[in-house]
Amino acid sequence: MMRPMKLAGSELMFGQGCLEHLKALKGNRAIIIMSGDVLEKTGILNKVKAYLNEAKVETEVFSDVEPEPSFATVLKGTEKMKSFSPDWIIALGGGSPMDAAKAKWIYYELPELTKLSDIEAPNEFPKLRNKARLVCIPSTSGTASEVSRSIVITDEKTGTKHGIGNMEMMPDIAICDPEVTASMPPKITAETGLDALTHAVEAYVSNRANYISDILAVQAVKDIFEYLPKAFDEGTNMEYREKMLNASLIAGLAFTNVSLGIVHSMAHTVGGYFKIPHGLADAVILPYVIKFNSANKNANQRYSQLAKLVGADNFSQAVANLKARLNIPKGFNALIDDEEKYNSMIDEMAQVAAKDGCTKTNPLIPSHEDFVELFKEVYIG
């Protein structure tokens, strides 16, 4: 039976200049969650503060979110929220600050919760919005956390990444202004763009795919193939930035409703063990999983449709060619020097990936041996 769909929160803003929508917020205090000072240096943070000031909303900034947010950081930010008592939480940045903001929101709303396991199954997910609502303003065109029900938080004690999803975490307002993404360097543009492509492709072949998610995913694939190389080459071109941000957005609308596949299962795992950025891990793995999934008749037909859409004969090769165009390595051997350590952990990584929540919606469920072979293949390249 089809699951109910939810396409974003109460307000979805996109296009150049939409950051100004912050002036319409009604409230008293907003905490801005960020990673580092890049958006402060580019002037975006000051613009956000100025708009909120016009709305007569007092602001506070928490900028200590690391690239792969840890639970310790979540708790640290939660303490700041408790002392400031915001009625708006504003995540400004890439997937990491957005995921961290969602997690902090939960523990701010329910201070009796103290452990990461408190919000994981089989525990009932808590109700939010008694104290605050959430605004997400993405600075990358990739994660689509601004329209996602999901977070990935790392247990700093074990290094394990925990993926948690619930529609309660869908941001209330998403503001997707391409000006915010203009500071992305080519490398991050490539990695986050291929993360968005992975979202679209995995949603399209998900065993939960449906009419609406297909429309969103297909358009995202088409636009990413056309505009990602252009945004990579000309990062200040607002048309290209806007096309990529919109493509990431609609890929997010698709996958948050129909889930993903084993590219993400493997990327979560490799990222947790070897500190590979998530978008880069997705980019390396994607063509190998397309080949594996092609053994499934329905998935193979869908990949063939995508190949025609982008003017190619073979979709896996088309993705590999796009990777090369964007200077993404073929395999993890270019990123992980210790081959002996990697090989020694393949069996364990195969077990972890099999348990990842994204595995169950892959069109072809791998055996343990399949995962082992895939982990070998994505290393060698």
Foldseek 3Di string as FASTA:
>chain_A
DADDADFFAQAEAAEAPLLLCLLVDAFAEEEEFAADCPCVVVCNVVVNVVSPVNNNHHYHYDHHFDLAGAVVVLVVVLVVCLVVQGQEYEYAEAQRSLLSSLSNQQCNQPVVDDDPCCCPPPHDHDAGNPRYAYEYEYQALADLSQQAQWHWHAHVVQLAIDIDGDPSSRGNYYHYHLVSNLPDALLRLLLRLQNLLQLLLFLCQFPSHDDQLVVLSLQLLLLSLVQSLVCSVPSNPRVSSSSSNVSSNSSNSRCNRRNGALLQLLLSLCCSVPVDRSSLSSLQQVLVVLVVLCVQPVSVVSQCVSQVSSVHRGNSVSSVVSCVSSVRDNACVVVDVPPVVLLVCQLVSLVSSLPDPRHVRGNDRDDSVRSSVSSVVRHVD
